[in-house]
Every structure is written in C-alpha cells, then in structure tokens.
C-alpha cells in the first residue's frame, strides 16, 4: 500500500512508546474490578473495509496518482471515555498524574476531575484531549494500531449508500455543517449518526481523529510548487500538492493533523483503532 512515511519524530516516538511498554505489564484492554467503580467494556467492534484505489487529497506520487489501500479492519466507533478509563485502570502509566511530559502536553485529559474520574464527561462520548502516544498505546493494548491516513480517508469517503460519495453535493454539505460549530462544544454520544456503507460511525460530525502516520502529512497547497516537490524532498515523506480541493472537510482535517505534534491534544481530538485483516480472527462482526 502506498502510504506517507513517518518522520524522524515519529521514529523517536515509537521508540519511546516501546520503552514504556517494556516497563509495563502486558495485556489487552480489560475492565478493572479492583474498586468496583469501573464497568466492563464490551469488546470493540471492527468492520472490514475492502480497500482499493483511492483518489486521495494526497496523491501517491505527489502529483495525481491514486493511492492503493489494502483491505483492513476499522473500529466501528471512536474510543469512548469509558473505554479509555478502563484502559487507564490497567495501564496506569498513561494516567494524567503519571504520564511523562515527553508523551503528553499540559492539558492531557484536562476535562477529567481526576486521574480516574472522568466526570463530568459522558461515558459514551468519545475520549478527547489525548496525545498520539496515548492513542497509539491504547490501540496496541487492544490488539490493533491507529489507522493510516489513506485508510482513514478511504473509509471516510463513504456515505451510507456509496463507497465514494465525494461527488455528492448533498452529502458534502451535510458533513461540512459540523465544522461550523464552535470548537469549544464537547462532543456528544458515540454512534448516534447513520453508519456508512462499511458500518462505520462518526467518521464525520463528532471529533477529529489521530492517524498513525500524521507526522508525514506535510502538504503544500501552492500549485506553483507542483513539479518541483521541494517539500517532499525536504521532509522525505509524503509532502505533496493538494488535489481535490473541493473536499474541504478532508482538507481541514489534513491541515490540522499536519500542524500537530505527537504529545499535543485537542478538546475535540480523539481516535479509533484499526487492524490488519490477517491479524483478525474471523468473526461475524469482522466480515
């Protein structure tokens, strides 16, 4: 699959996360039962996204070539506050009071009343104010990984009835309406929207989402750079000229991700996880 390459920052981040995991007990995300305050979290639901050729806003060759996306599995919903709280119970090194400054900026989970007290947030709302490191650690604990940009974009191009609805003006207008909301409004409950063609919820209209290769998403909107690709040479990654500028919703997400640093977070920045098809047991929900 053609994919943006990560930067040196990402490499350092991966090494740091690995170090933390080496110091932490292994195990999947599980509900804690020690204080009776945490509820069991149902197993996460993943659905298969078939993959294929993608006319991405980031052409694979930096000019106009489509990207090729291999089949993958994607969480049907973003990670919720309750799910992340249960993760913190079994992986306390990611709690607000214990996480090293290298992995989280001030304000990490700032809306929570305490390290394990997520009030006043709704348990079934998406967790936000998490760093890329924390999101990545959660997904690894769940047996997955963060989706790559092309995977996320492929899944997010689908409406409820079409695999690629990006030429549907009515659908575009609908997803763009979310961006008109004030940025300080807390996201509502997960899964209240209509699922897309693959059974995936909330790819639009609820939160921004981390992707695994965000640090390689350097872009150059200046068409005069087309042909020279100096930015691509500079970052050694997927710096490209933007295509499909009509797709403002995706472009805004791309711009935000390109401006982020791994330990940063946002009031509406959450995440979901993905898995490779070959790593997933064959279950009815993953068909």
Protein backbone atom coordinates (compact mmCIF):
# COMPACT_ATOMS: atom_id res chain seq x y z
CA UNK A 1 0.00 0.00 0.00
CA UNK A 2 1.35 3.41 -0.83
CA UNK A 3 1.45 5.39 2.36
CA UNK A 4 3.08 8.52 3.75
CA UNK A 5 6.32 7.76 5.52
CA UNK A 6 6.78 8.89 9.06
CA UNK A 7 9.33 11.46 10.06
CA UNK A 8 12.20 11.21 12.48
CA UNK A 9 9.84 12.49 15.17
CA UNK A 10 7.58 9.52 14.66
CA UNK A 11 10.51 7.17 14.89
CA UNK A 12 11.59 8.66 18.18
CA UNK A 13 8.01 8.47 19.37
CA UNK A 14 7.75 4.81 18.51
CA UNK A 15 10.93 4.05 20.43
CA UNK A 16 9.66 5.96 23.43
CA UNK A 17 6.33 4.14 23.40
CA UNK A 18 8.16 0.86 23.14
CA UNK A 19 10.20 1.77 26.19
CA UNK A 20 7.09 2.48 28.20
CA UNK A 21 5.51 -0.76 27.11
CA UNK A 22 8.59 -2.71 28.08
CA UNK A 23 8.23 -1.32 31.57
CA UNK A 24 4.53 -2.01 31.72
CA UNK A 25 2.73 -5.29 32.26
CA UNK A 26 1.48 -6.83 29.07
CA UNK A 27 -2.16 -7.41 28.47
CA UNK A 28 -5.12 -6.33 26.48
CA UNK A 29 -7.55 -3.65 27.48
CA UNK A 30 -9.71 -5.04 30.23
CA UNK A 31 -12.19 -3.77 32.72
CA UNK A 32 -10.77 -3.25 36.17
CA UNK A 33 -12.64 -4.71 39.08
CA UNK A 34 -10.50 -3.63 42.00
CA UNK A 35 -12.54 -0.66 43.13
CA UNK A 36 -15.93 -1.61 41.74
CA UNK A 37 -16.24 1.78 40.07
CA UNK A 38 -15.38 0.64 36.58
CA UNK A 39 -17.78 -1.16 34.35
CA UNK A 40 -16.90 -3.92 31.95
CA UNK A 41 -16.42 -2.63 28.44
CA UNK A 42 -17.83 -4.78 25.64
CA UNK A 43 -15.30 -5.96 23.11
CA UNK A 44 -14.67 -3.37 20.48
CA UNK A 45 -16.45 -3.85 17.18
CA UNK A 46 -14.41 -3.81 13.97
CA UNK A 47 -15.69 -3.96 10.41
CA UNK A 48 -13.84 -4.82 7.27
CA UNK A 49 -13.13 -2.04 4.79
CA UNK A 50 -12.35 -3.61 1.41
CA UNK A 51 -9.68 -1.19 0.27
CA UNK A 52 -8.90 -0.39 -3.34
CA UNK A 53 -7.79 2.55 -5.40
CA UNK A 54 -8.22 5.90 -3.67
CA UNK A 55 -8.23 9.31 -5.31
CA UNK A 56 -6.70 10.92 -2.27
CA UNK A 57 -6.24 14.57 -1.46
CA UNK A 58 -2.61 13.47 -1.10
CA UNK A 59 -1.72 11.85 -4.46
CA UNK A 60 0.55 8.88 -4.00
CA UNK A 61 3.19 10.31 -6.31
CA UNK A 62 2.73 13.89 -5.19
CA UNK A 63 1.08 14.80 -8.49
CA UNK A 64 -2.04 12.86 -9.42
CA UNK A 65 -1.55 9.13 -8.90
CA UNK A 66 -4.18 7.32 -6.82
CA UNK A 67 -3.20 5.58 -3.63
CA UNK A 68 -3.76 1.86 -3.20
CA UNK A 69 -5.34 0.83 0.08
CA UNK A 70 -5.17 -2.81 1.19
CA UNK A 71 -8.19 -4.31 2.97
CA UNK A 72 -8.20 -3.52 6.66
CA UNK A 73 -10.43 -3.57 9.72
CA UNK A 74 -11.63 -0.39 11.34
CA UNK A 75 -13.30 0.19 14.67
CA UNK A 76 -16.96 0.96 14.12
CA UNK A 77 -16.86 3.78 16.65
CA UNK A 78 -14.25 6.07 18.18
CA UNK A 79 -12.80 5.08 21.55
CA UNK A 80 -15.13 6.23 24.30
CA UNK A 81 -14.43 7.89 27.64
CA UNK A 82 -15.43 4.68 29.42
CA UNK A 83 -13.15 2.54 27.28
CA UNK A 84 -10.22 4.83 27.86
CA UNK A 85 -10.90 4.93 31.58
CA UNK A 86 -10.75 1.15 31.69
CA UNK A 87 -7.50 1.28 29.74
CA UNK A 88 -6.06 3.67 32.31
CA UNK A 89 -7.02 1.29 35.10
CA UNK A 90 -4.93 -1.49 33.57
CA UNK A 91 -2.20 0.81 32.25
CA UNK A 92 -1.77 3.46 34.98
CA UNK A 93 1.38 4.82 33.38
CA UNK A 94 -0.95 6.66 30.96
CA UNK A 95 -2.96 8.34 33.70
CA UNK A 96 -2.81 12.11 33.83
CA UNK A 97 -0.77 12.20 37.02
CA UNK A 98 1.77 9.63 35.86
CA UNK A 99 2.33 10.11 32.16
CA UNK A 100 5.78 11.61 31.43
CA UNK A 101 5.86 15.04 29.86
CA UNK A 102 7.57 13.50 26.85
CA UNK A 103 4.33 11.77 25.93
CA UNK A 104 1.70 14.39 26.78
CA UNK A 105 1.49 18.15 26.84
CA UNK A 106 -0.09 20.04 29.74
CA UNK A 107 -3.83 19.71 29.46
CA UNK A 108 -3.81 15.98 28.77
CA UNK A 109 -7.26 14.74 29.85
CA UNK A 110 -7.76 18.13 31.47
CA UNK A 111 -11.54 17.87 31.40
CA UNK A 112 -11.41 14.91 33.80
CA UNK A 113 -11.88 15.65 37.50
CA UNK A 114 -9.12 13.21 38.45
CA UNK A 115 -6.76 10.60 37.11
CA UNK A 116 -9.58 8.04 37.06
CA UNK A 117 -12.57 10.33 37.44
CA UNK A 118 -13.91 11.18 34.01
CA UNK A 119 -16.76 13.34 35.30
CA UNK A 120 -18.39 15.44 34.03
CA UNK A 121 -17.89 13.75 30.66
CA UNK A 122 -20.41 11.25 29.33
CA UNK A 123 -19.10 7.69 29.47
CA UNK A 124 -20.33 7.04 25.93
CA UNK A 125 -18.83 10.17 24.44
CA UNK A 126 -15.51 9.94 22.57
CA UNK A 127 -12.39 10.38 24.64
CA UNK A 128 -10.51 13.53 23.65
CA UNK A 129 -7.54 15.51 24.96
CA UNK A 130 -5.28 12.50 24.37
CA UNK A 131 -1.87 12.57 22.77
CA UNK A 132 -0.89 10.48 19.77
CA UNK A 133 1.29 8.41 22.08
CA UNK A 134 -1.61 7.58 24.37
CA UNK A 135 -3.91 6.81 21.45
CA UNK A 136 -1.29 4.53 19.94
CA UNK A 137 -0.76 2.73 23.26
CA UNK A 138 -4.49 2.14 23.64
CA UNK A 139 -4.78 0.62 20.18
CA UNK A 140 -1.78 -1.64 20.74
CA UNK A 141 -3.31 -2.83 24.02
CA UNK A 142 -6.48 -3.64 22.08
CA UNK A 143 -4.52 -5.68 19.54
CA UNK A 144 -4.67 -3.00 16.89
CA UNK A 145 -3.00 0.16 15.70
CA UNK A 146 -4.01 3.62 14.65
CA UNK A 147 -5.33 3.77 11.08
CA UNK A 148 -3.06 5.23 8.45
CA UNK A 149 -4.14 8.39 6.67
CA UNK A 150 -5.10 6.67 3.41
CA UNK A 151 -7.11 4.07 5.32
CA UNK A 152 -8.99 6.73 7.25
CA UNK A 153 -9.61 8.78 4.11
CA UNK A 154 -10.82 5.70 2.22
CA UNK A 155 -13.35 4.82 4.92
CA UNK A 156 -14.41 8.45 5.37
CA UNK A 157 -15.24 8.82 1.66
CA UNK A 158 -18.23 6.52 2.06
CA UNK A 159 -21.76 7.62 2.73
CA UNK A 160 -24.46 5.25 3.90
CA UNK A 161 -25.08 4.07 0.35
CA UNK A 162 -21.98 4.82 -1.71
CA UNK A 163 -18.36 3.77 -1.34
CA UNK A 164 -17.24 7.15 -2.64
CA UNK A 165 -19.74 9.92 -2.02
CA UNK A 166 -17.33 12.80 -2.52
CA UNK A 167 -19.13 13.98 -5.63
CA UNK A 168 -22.45 14.06 -3.79
CA UNK A 169 -23.12 17.72 -3.03
CA UNK A 170 -25.83 16.93 -0.50
CA UNK A 171 -23.53 14.60 1.44
CA UNK A 172 -20.67 17.08 1.34
CA UNK A 173 -22.93 19.83 2.65
CA UNK A 174 -24.08 17.57 5.46
CA UNK A 175 -20.61 16.72 6.71
CA UNK A 176 -19.41 20.28 6.34
CA UNK A 177 -22.10 21.55 8.69
CA UNK A 178 -20.19 20.12 11.68
CA UNK A 179 -17.25 22.39 11.01
CA UNK A 180 -19.48 25.41 11.55
CA UNK A 181 -19.96 24.50 15.22
CA UNK A 182 -17.90 26.32 17.86
CA UNK A 183 -14.75 24.41 18.67
CA UNK A 184 -15.36 24.52 22.43
CA UNK A 185 -18.52 22.40 22.30
CA UNK A 186 -17.94 18.98 23.83
CA UNK A 187 -18.70 16.06 21.52
CA UNK A 188 -21.92 14.19 22.13
CA UNK A 189 -22.60 10.48 22.37
CA UNK A 190 -20.96 7.98 20.04
CA UNK A 191 -22.88 6.12 17.39
CA UNK A 192 -25.86 8.43 17.07
CA UNK A 193 -25.31 9.02 13.37
CA UNK A 194 -26.14 6.77 10.46
CA UNK A 195 -23.37 4.24 9.78
CA UNK A 196 -21.63 4.47 6.45
CA UNK A 197 -21.56 1.74 3.81
CA UNK A 198 -19.00 -0.26 5.82
CA UNK A 199 -20.88 0.01 9.11
CA UNK A 200 -18.56 2.69 10.49
CA UNK A 201 -19.92 5.55 12.64
CA UNK A 202 -18.75 9.08 13.36
CA UNK A 203 -16.02 9.47 10.76
CA UNK A 204 -17.55 12.91 10.33
CA UNK A 205 -19.51 15.17 12.61
CA UNK A 206 -18.16 14.29 16.06
CA UNK A 207 -14.39 14.60 16.52
CA UNK A 208 -11.05 14.95 14.79
CA UNK A 209 -9.05 11.72 14.79
CA UNK A 210 -5.40 10.79 15.10
CA UNK A 211 -3.86 8.68 12.35
CA UNK A 212 -0.70 6.65 12.69
CA UNK A 213 1.31 8.50 10.05
CA UNK A 214 0.15 12.04 10.83
CA UNK A 215 3.70 13.30 11.15
CA UNK A 216 4.34 12.53 7.48
CA UNK A 217 1.39 14.61 6.31
CA UNK A 218 3.29 17.67 5.23
CA UNK A 219 1.43 19.44 2.47
CA UNK A 220 1.99 22.23 0.07
CA UNK A 221 -1.13 23.96 -1.21
CA UNK A 222 0.84 26.19 -3.52
CA UNK A 223 0.33 24.88 -7.02
CA UNK A 224 3.48 26.70 -8.12
CA UNK A 225 5.44 24.03 -6.28
CA UNK A 226 3.90 21.33 -8.43
CA UNK A 227 6.57 19.58 -10.41
CA UNK A 228 9.37 20.58 -8.08
CA UNK A 229 8.12 18.78 -4.98
CA UNK A 230 10.66 20.60 -2.84
CA UNK A 231 8.66 19.99 0.26
CA UNK A 232 8.70 16.29 -0.42
CA UNK A 233 12.43 16.36 -0.75
CA UNK A 234 12.71 18.37 2.43
CA UNK A 235 10.68 16.15 4.70
CA UNK A 236 11.47 12.87 3.00
CA UNK A 237 7.85 11.88 3.40
CA UNK A 238 4.52 12.46 1.78
CA UNK A 239 4.65 16.17 1.16
CA UNK A 240 2.57 16.71 -1.89
CA UNK A 241 0.44 19.20 -3.68
CA UNK A 242 -3.15 19.00 -2.63
CA UNK A 243 -5.64 17.51 -5.01
CA UNK A 244 -9.42 17.56 -4.80
CA UNK A 245 -9.58 20.94 -3.12
CA UNK A 246 -13.35 20.73 -3.28
CA UNK A 247 -13.23 18.26 -0.43
CA UNK A 248 -12.88 20.89 2.27
CA UNK A 249 -13.82 18.61 5.15
CA UNK A 250 -10.93 16.26 4.46
CA UNK A 251 -8.56 19.10 3.72
CA UNK A 252 -9.33 20.75 7.07
CA UNK A 253 -8.57 17.51 8.87
CA UNK A 254 -5.37 17.13 6.95
CA UNK A 255 -4.29 20.67 7.78
CA UNK A 256 -4.97 20.12 11.48
CA UNK A 257 -3.05 16.85 11.61
CA UNK A 258 -0.12 18.33 9.72
CA UNK A 259 0.13 21.03 12.38
CA UNK A 260 0.02 18.68 15.36
CA UNK A 261 2.85 17.29 17.44
CA UNK A 262 2.77 13.81 18.94
CA UNK A 263 2.29 14.93 22.54
CA UNK A 264 -0.31 17.56 21.75
CA UNK A 265 -4.04 17.04 22.04
CA UNK A 266 -7.25 18.91 21.45
CA UNK A 267 -10.64 19.35 23.02
CA UNK A 268 -12.16 17.50 20.08
CA UNK A 269 -9.21 15.31 19.10
CA UNK A 270 -9.95 11.63 19.64
CA UNK A 271 -9.15 8.41 17.86
CA UNK A 272 -10.22 4.97 16.78
CA UNK A 273 -8.16 1.88 16.04
CA UNK A 274 -7.58 -0.32 13.01
CA UNK A 275 -6.29 -3.82 12.47
CA UNK A 276 -4.71 -5.70 9.62
CA UNK A 277 -7.06 -8.26 8.12
CA UNK A 278 -4.66 -11.15 8.58
CA UNK A 279 -4.37 -10.41 12.31
CA UNK A 280 -8.10 -10.54 12.95
CA UNK A 281 -9.89 -13.75 13.96
CA UNK A 282 -12.80 -14.49 11.65
CA UNK A 283 -15.89 -13.34 13.49
CA UNK A 284 -19.26 -12.36 12.22
CA UNK A 285 -18.67 -8.75 13.15
CA UNK A 286 -15.47 -8.55 11.17
CA UNK A 287 -16.93 -9.75 7.89
